[in-house]
Structure formats: C-alpha cells, structure tokens
Amino acid sequence: MQSFIHSKPFNLNSKNQGEKMSDNRFFNRAVWKQKAMAFVVRSHRHLWGKNNEDPQAFLFTHGLKNQFIKDALIGWNKFGQTRSIKNWGIETNLKKDEKLFLASGIVIPFIVKKELKSIFIHPYDESQDNKTTIIPGSVTPTMVLGEKKEKVAVIQNIFDGLFLFQELKDTCCIIIHPDPKFVLDLHLNAMLKNADTVLILSSEKKEFTEKKSLFPDVQDHCFYAYQSQDEAKEHCLKN
C-alpha cells in the first residue's frame, strides 16, 4: 500500500549532508536543495506562463506587486503532485512505497542569502478549509525577512507578512509565523528582546489571544489588531 508524506516541517538541526530523522528516515540536504530549487523555479515559470492570469490576480489582490513577486521567486503549482521521497534525498528503512506530496497552490520559497531554506504552499482556492503548508525537508516554519532592524513585527498571515516586507523592508524586520502553536526558537526570541520596537500583529480575536500566550515576555501594548493590510502597515509606521 502506497503512503504519502504530506507537507509538514521536519526538525533538522545537523549541518551534515546525511541527517538522521526522528521517524526512521535519513535526510540528504544537498539532494533536497537541488530538487526543491528546481520545483521553485518551475513553479515560478508556471506563474508567468500563458493563461495563468488567475493566480497572478490572486497575488495582486493580496497586495503584492509584480516586481516583488518576481524577486521573491513566488510561483504556482497548478496540480498536486507526488514524487519519490528517495529522489528528494529522504530515505527510509521502511518497506512502504512512500511518496512526497506537493500540494497545489501558490508556492512561496524562503531564501536567505541565495540559499533555499523552506518552501510554503498556500491553497489557491481559499474557500477550502486548507491552510498554508510546508514541504518536508524545510528547515524552519518561520520566515524572518529583513534581519538586524530596530523594529520587529510578528504576523501570522503569510501574504500580509509579505506585503509588509514589500512596503517596509528598509525600516522593519518582518517575522512571518504561520503556526501560532510553534514556539519561537532562541534566536528569534533574542531578536524580539533586543529590538527597540516590537509589534505582534493579529487579524482575528482568537489569533490575538494565541499570540499573547505565545509571547509571555512581550508587554501588552505591543499587541495590535488589524482588519486590513493598510492598517497593519500603519501600525508599523506609527510605532
């Protein structure tokens, strides 16, 4: 019986090429990077191919500009795909015929200094009860855009976060934290502690409550609710 590895983060701390994983899998980062980057480039080309106006319009309606989309190598995976996990550098000692599942949707790579760290996929049809997922093998489920800034804003919605970075990248570090249940690592907590200004931005009341429990050391006046991207941007500019 064939089994599938769905989009979820793997905990990868070793810098070696061959890494032991917690669920009887071995991970080869060099192979993963090659396959993952090829997927990113292919998806980016698909986004700008013929008859793909709808996903482009989707991104434009989420506040992203043409040049920013191109610079960030954002793409579109039209159909869900399955791939051999071995070809992606993930080997298992189990006998199951496991496959890697690449969901359909908007493909958002997280690249730091020309090195691919993670790949997120957001469903193109937001009417479905699907959320942003991360491709197995990705290093981190958190995107840090524009480090070493005195002002740091943390936001959950991935497109709102990309919009803020697009608009404020010269003055503000944007931390996109899609999963509120995932605890920030020591490095990110240190960034918040050392920043002159911290903003925790939330678009929903439930999310707002989750954020407060996630950042117990952040003072109450640093939490802001917003109902539009422009309002979130205004919070960042005023504080």
Foldseek 3Di string as FASTA:
>chain_A
DEAEDEFDEFADDDPDQWDQGPPQKIAGLVLLQVVVVVVLQVQLVVCPDPPNVLLVVLLVVLPDDDVLCVVQSKGWAAAKDWAQVVSNRMGGPDPHRYIYIDHGAIWGFAADPNGTAWIWGAHSPPVDPDGIGTGYPHHDQKHKQQPDALEEEEEQDPSLQSNLCVVQNVHYIYIHRNDLVDADDPVVVVSVVRHNAYAYEAADPVVQVSNCVRCVPDDPVRYDYDNGSVRVNVVRVVD
